Amino acid sequence: MVKHIYGKITLLDKIKRPHMFIKELNLYVDYLQADIQVHLKSITEKKRKQLDKFKIQLHEGIIYYKQLFAAYPNQTAELLQTWFDELTIAENKINNVLI
């Protein structure tokens, strides 16, 4: 560990870490799915509107992230493709959520 701290070796080379925005997006998608399950049997019109608005905002966030990632000039094509693939997976999860 000391060698890692002083830069003689790298311990994090083989660890795949998600982009922080994508990780946050996935947390919100999971929250949406859990919130729908909680209110599944007795959903009010107010709650339905709230969930619909939240779902729309998640879609808008994905669009924003795609534009943001496309503007990264210093990233490799492989890394960008990984991010776009993860965004597509999150978008598919959102599309499969029925309110």
N, C-alpha and C. Protein backbone atom coordinates (compact mmCIF):
# COMPACT_ATOMS: atom_id res chain seq x y z
N MET A 1 0.82 -1.18 0.00
CA MET A 1 0.00 0.00 0.00
C MET A 1 0.88 1.26 0.00
N VAL A 2 1.99 1.22 0.74
CA VAL A 2 2.87 2.38 0.81
C VAL A 2 3.45 2.68 -0.58
N LYS A 3 3.80 1.64 -1.32
CA LYS A 3 4.33 1.85 -2.67
C LYS A 3 3.28 2.49 -3.57
N HIS A 4 2.03 2.12 -3.39
CA HIS A 4 0.95 2.74 -4.16
C HIS A 4 0.80 4.22 -3.80
N ILE A 5 0.86 4.53 -2.54
CA ILE A 5 0.72 5.92 -2.09
C ILE A 5 1.82 6.79 -2.67
N TYR A 6 3.05 6.27 -2.73
CA TYR A 6 4.17 7.06 -3.24
C TYR A 6 4.40 6.91 -4.73
N GLY A 7 3.49 6.22 -5.42
CA GLY A 7 3.53 6.17 -6.88
C GLY A 7 4.48 5.17 -7.49
N LYS A 8 4.98 4.23 -6.72
CA LYS A 8 5.90 3.24 -7.28
C LYS A 8 5.16 2.10 -7.98
N ILE A 9 3.95 1.79 -7.51
CA ILE A 9 3.11 0.79 -8.17
C ILE A 9 1.67 1.35 -8.22
N THR A 10 0.89 0.77 -9.11
CA THR A 10 -0.51 1.16 -9.22
C THR A 10 -1.37 -0.05 -8.89
N LEU A 11 -2.19 0.09 -7.89
CA LEU A 11 -3.06 -1.01 -7.48
C LEU A 11 -4.43 -0.95 -8.15
N LEU A 12 -4.74 0.14 -8.82
CA LEU A 12 -6.09 0.34 -9.36
C LEU A 12 -6.18 0.14 -10.87
N ASP A 13 -5.17 -0.40 -11.50
CA ASP A 13 -5.18 -0.57 -12.95
C ASP A 13 -6.27 -1.50 -13.43
N LYS A 14 -6.48 -2.58 -12.75
CA LYS A 14 -7.40 -3.61 -13.23
C LYS A 14 -8.81 -3.48 -12.67
N ILE A 15 -9.05 -2.46 -11.89
CA ILE A 15 -10.37 -2.26 -11.30
C ILE A 15 -11.20 -1.38 -12.24
N LYS A 16 -12.34 -1.91 -12.65
CA LYS A 16 -13.24 -1.15 -13.51
C LYS A 16 -14.18 -0.35 -12.63
N ARG A 17 -14.10 0.97 -12.75
CA ARG A 17 -14.94 1.84 -11.95
C ARG A 17 -15.88 2.60 -12.88
N PRO A 18 -17.16 2.67 -12.53
CA PRO A 18 -18.10 3.40 -13.38
C PRO A 18 -17.90 4.90 -13.26
N HIS A 19 -18.34 5.61 -14.27
CA HIS A 19 -18.32 7.06 -14.23
C HIS A 19 -19.26 7.52 -13.12
N MET A 20 -18.89 8.55 -12.40
CA MET A 20 -19.70 8.96 -11.24
C MET A 20 -21.10 9.40 -11.64
N PHE A 21 -21.25 10.04 -12.81
CA PHE A 21 -22.58 10.45 -13.25
C PHE A 21 -23.45 9.24 -13.59
N ILE A 22 -22.85 8.25 -14.22
CA ILE A 22 -23.60 7.05 -14.58
C ILE A 22 -23.98 6.27 -13.33
N LYS A 23 -23.09 6.22 -12.37
CA LYS A 23 -23.39 5.55 -11.10
C LYS A 23 -24.56 6.24 -10.40
N GLU A 24 -24.54 7.58 -10.39
CA GLU A 24 -25.63 8.34 -9.77
C GLU A 24 -26.95 8.11 -10.53
N LEU A 25 -26.88 8.08 -11.85
CA LEU A 25 -28.06 7.83 -12.66
C LEU A 25 -28.66 6.47 -12.32
N ASN A 26 -27.82 5.47 -12.19
CA ASN A 26 -28.32 4.13 -11.86
C ASN A 26 -28.94 4.09 -10.46
N LEU A 27 -28.41 4.87 -9.54
CA LEU A 27 -29.02 4.95 -8.21
C LEU A 27 -30.42 5.55 -8.30
N TYR A 28 -30.58 6.58 -9.14
CA TYR A 28 -31.90 7.19 -9.32
C TYR A 28 -32.88 6.24 -10.01
N VAL A 29 -32.40 5.46 -10.96
CA VAL A 29 -33.27 4.49 -11.63
C VAL A 29 -33.74 3.43 -10.63
N ASP A 30 -32.82 2.97 -9.80
CA ASP A 30 -33.19 2.00 -8.77
C ASP A 30 -34.19 2.59 -7.78
N TYR A 31 -33.99 3.87 -7.43
CA TYR A 31 -34.92 4.55 -6.53
C TYR A 31 -36.31 4.64 -7.16
N LEU A 32 -36.36 4.98 -8.45
CA LEU A 32 -37.64 5.06 -9.15
C LEU A 32 -38.36 3.72 -9.12
N GLN A 33 -37.64 2.65 -9.41
CA GLN A 33 -38.25 1.32 -9.41
C GLN A 33 -38.75 0.94 -8.02
N ALA A 34 -37.97 1.25 -6.99
CA ALA A 34 -38.38 0.93 -5.62
C ALA A 34 -39.59 1.76 -5.20
N ASP A 35 -39.61 3.03 -5.59
CA ASP A 35 -40.72 3.91 -5.24
C ASP A 35 -42.01 3.44 -5.91
N ILE A 36 -41.91 2.98 -7.12
CA ILE A 36 -43.09 2.45 -7.82
C ILE A 36 -43.60 1.20 -7.12
N GLN A 37 -42.70 0.34 -6.68
CA GLN A 37 -43.11 -0.88 -5.99
C GLN A 37 -43.82 -0.57 -4.68
N VAL A 38 -43.37 0.47 -3.98
CA VAL A 38 -43.99 0.85 -2.71
C VAL A 38 -45.42 1.34 -2.93
N HIS A 39 -45.63 2.09 -3.99
CA HIS A 39 -46.94 2.69 -4.24
C HIS A 39 -47.75 1.94 -5.30
N LEU A 40 -47.38 0.71 -5.56
CA LEU A 40 -48.01 -0.05 -6.64
C LEU A 40 -49.50 -0.27 -6.44
N LYS A 41 -49.90 -0.62 -5.26
CA LYS A 41 -51.30 -0.98 -5.02
C LYS A 41 -52.21 0.23 -4.84
N SER A 42 -51.70 1.27 -4.23
CA SER A 42 -52.55 2.43 -3.96
C SER A 42 -51.86 3.71 -4.44
N ILE A 43 -51.77 3.86 -5.73
CA ILE A 43 -51.12 5.04 -6.29
C ILE A 43 -52.16 6.13 -6.53
N THR A 44 -51.85 7.32 -6.10
CA THR A 44 -52.74 8.45 -6.32
C THR A 44 -52.35 9.16 -7.61
N GLU A 45 -53.23 10.02 -8.08
CA GLU A 45 -52.93 10.77 -9.30
C GLU A 45 -51.74 11.70 -9.08
N LYS A 46 -51.64 12.27 -7.90
CA LYS A 46 -50.52 13.17 -7.58
C LYS A 46 -49.20 12.41 -7.64
N LYS A 47 -49.18 11.21 -7.06
CA LYS A 47 -47.95 10.40 -7.06
C LYS A 47 -47.61 9.95 -8.48
N ARG A 48 -48.62 9.62 -9.27
CA ARG A 48 -48.39 9.20 -10.65
C ARG A 48 -47.73 10.34 -11.44
N LYS A 49 -48.22 11.56 -11.25
CA LYS A 49 -47.62 12.71 -11.94
C LYS A 49 -46.18 12.93 -11.48
N GLN A 50 -45.95 12.76 -10.19
CA GLN A 50 -44.61 12.92 -9.64
C GLN A 50 -43.65 11.89 -10.26
N LEU A 51 -44.09 10.65 -10.34
CA LEU A 51 -43.25 9.60 -10.92
C LEU A 51 -43.02 9.81 -12.41
N ASP A 52 -44.06 10.25 -13.13
CA ASP A 52 -43.90 10.55 -14.55
C ASP A 52 -42.89 11.68 -14.77
N LYS A 53 -42.98 12.70 -13.94
CA LYS A 53 -42.05 13.83 -14.05
C LYS A 53 -40.62 13.37 -13.75
N PHE A 54 -40.47 12.52 -12.75
CA PHE A 54 -39.15 12.00 -12.39
C PHE A 54 -38.57 11.17 -13.53
N LYS A 55 -39.41 10.37 -14.17
CA LYS A 55 -38.97 9.54 -15.29
C LYS A 55 -38.53 10.42 -16.46
N ILE A 56 -39.27 11.48 -16.74
CA ILE A 56 -38.92 12.41 -17.81
C ILE A 56 -37.59 13.09 -17.51
N GLN A 57 -37.40 13.47 -16.25
CA GLN A 57 -36.15 14.12 -15.87
C GLN A 57 -34.96 13.18 -16.01
N LEU A 58 -35.17 11.90 -15.74
CA LEU A 58 -34.10 10.93 -15.93
C LEU A 58 -33.73 10.82 -17.41
N HIS A 59 -34.74 10.84 -18.29
CA HIS A 59 -34.47 10.81 -19.73
C HIS A 59 -33.71 12.06 -20.16
N GLU A 60 -34.10 13.21 -19.64
CA GLU A 60 -33.40 14.45 -19.97
C GLU A 60 -31.96 14.40 -19.47
N GLY A 61 -31.74 13.79 -18.32
CA GLY A 61 -30.39 13.63 -17.79
C GLY A 61 -29.53 12.76 -18.68
N ILE A 62 -30.11 11.70 -19.22
CA ILE A 62 -29.36 10.82 -20.12
C ILE A 62 -28.97 11.58 -21.38
N ILE A 63 -29.88 12.37 -21.92
CA ILE A 63 -29.57 13.17 -23.11
C ILE A 63 -28.43 14.14 -22.80
N TYR A 64 -28.50 14.77 -21.64
CA TYR A 64 -27.44 15.71 -21.23
C TYR A 64 -26.11 14.98 -21.10
N TYR A 65 -26.09 13.81 -20.47
CA TYR A 65 -24.85 13.06 -20.30
C TYR A 65 -24.27 12.65 -21.65
N LYS A 66 -25.11 12.26 -22.58
CA LYS A 66 -24.61 11.90 -23.91
C LYS A 66 -23.94 13.09 -24.59
N GLN A 67 -24.54 14.27 -24.47
CA GLN A 67 -23.93 15.47 -25.03
C GLN A 67 -22.63 15.81 -24.31
N LEU A 68 -22.63 15.66 -23.01
CA LEU A 68 -21.45 15.96 -22.21
C LEU A 68 -20.30 15.03 -22.56
N PHE A 69 -20.59 13.74 -22.65
CA PHE A 69 -19.53 12.77 -22.95
C PHE A 69 -19.01 12.94 -24.38
N ALA A 70 -19.87 13.33 -25.29
CA ALA A 70 -19.42 13.55 -26.67
C ALA A 70 -18.46 14.74 -26.76
N ALA A 71 -18.54 15.63 -25.80
CA ALA A 71 -17.68 16.82 -25.81
C ALA A 71 -16.33 16.58 -25.13
N TYR A 72 -16.10 15.37 -24.58
CA TYR A 72 -14.81 15.07 -23.95
C TYR A 72 -13.74 14.87 -25.02
N PRO A 73 -12.80 15.78 -25.17
CA PRO A 73 -11.81 15.62 -26.23
C PRO A 73 -10.67 14.67 -25.86
N ASN A 74 -10.42 14.45 -24.58
CA ASN A 74 -9.23 13.71 -24.16
C ASN A 74 -9.51 12.26 -23.78
N GLN A 75 -10.67 11.73 -24.12
CA GLN A 75 -11.00 10.36 -23.74
C GLN A 75 -10.84 9.42 -24.93
N THR A 76 -10.50 8.19 -24.64
CA THR A 76 -10.34 7.21 -25.71
C THR A 76 -11.71 6.79 -26.23
N ALA A 77 -11.72 6.33 -27.46
CA ALA A 77 -12.98 5.89 -28.07
C ALA A 77 -13.56 4.70 -27.31
N GLU A 78 -12.71 3.85 -26.81
CA GLU A 78 -13.18 2.67 -26.05
C GLU A 78 -13.88 3.09 -24.77
N LEU A 79 -13.32 4.06 -24.06
CA LEU A 79 -13.93 4.53 -22.82
C LEU A 79 -15.26 5.24 -23.11
N LEU A 80 -15.28 6.06 -24.14
CA LEU A 80 -16.53 6.73 -24.51
C LEU A 80 -17.60 5.72 -24.89
N GLN A 81 -17.22 4.68 -25.63
CA GLN A 81 -18.19 3.66 -26.02
C GLN A 81 -18.73 2.93 -24.79
N THR A 82 -17.88 2.68 -23.81
CA THR A 82 -18.32 2.04 -22.57
C THR A 82 -19.34 2.91 -21.86
N TRP A 83 -19.07 4.22 -21.80
CA TRP A 83 -20.02 5.14 -21.15
C TRP A 83 -21.34 5.18 -21.89
N PHE A 84 -21.28 5.25 -23.22
CA PHE A 84 -22.52 5.29 -24.00
C PHE A 84 -23.30 3.98 -23.85
N ASP A 85 -22.60 2.86 -23.77
CA ASP A 85 -23.28 1.58 -23.56
C ASP A 85 -23.98 1.54 -22.20
N GLU A 86 -23.30 2.06 -21.17
CA GLU A 86 -23.90 2.08 -19.84
C GLU A 86 -25.12 3.02 -19.81
N LEU A 87 -25.05 4.13 -20.54
CA LEU A 87 -26.19 5.03 -20.63
C LEU A 87 -27.36 4.36 -21.35
N THR A 88 -27.07 3.58 -22.37
CA THR A 88 -28.12 2.88 -23.11
C THR A 88 -28.79 1.84 -22.21
N ILE A 89 -28.02 1.15 -21.40
CA ILE A 89 -28.58 0.18 -20.46
C ILE A 89 -29.51 0.88 -19.47
N ALA A 90 -29.07 2.01 -18.94
CA ALA A 90 -29.90 2.76 -17.99
C ALA A 90 -31.16 3.27 -18.68
N GLU A 91 -31.03 3.71 -19.92
CA GLU A 91 -32.20 4.21 -20.66
C GLU A 91 -33.20 3.08 -20.91
N ASN A 92 -32.71 1.90 -21.20
CA ASN A 92 -33.61 0.76 -21.38
C ASN A 92 -34.33 0.39 -20.09
N LYS A 93 -33.63 0.49 -18.97
CA LYS A 93 -34.27 0.24 -17.67
C LYS A 93 -35.40 1.22 -17.43
N ILE A 94 -35.15 2.49 -17.73
CA ILE A 94 -36.17 3.52 -17.53
C ILE A 94 -37.36 3.27 -18.45
N ASN A 95 -37.10 2.91 -19.69
CA ASN A 95 -38.18 2.66 -20.64
C ASN A 95 -39.04 1.47 -20.20
N ASN A 96 -38.46 0.51 -19.50
CA ASN A 96 -39.20 -0.66 -19.06
C ASN A 96 -40.02 -0.42 -17.79
N VAL A 97 -39.80 0.72 -17.16
CA VAL A 97 -40.54 1.05 -15.95
C VAL A 97 -41.95 1.52 -16.34
N LEU A 98 -42.94 0.85 -15.83
CA LEU A 98 -44.33 1.21 -16.09
C LEU A 98 -44.94 1.83 -14.84
N ILE A 99 -45.53 2.98 -15.03
CA ILE A 99 -46.16 3.68 -13.90
C ILE A 99 -47.66 3.51 -13.99
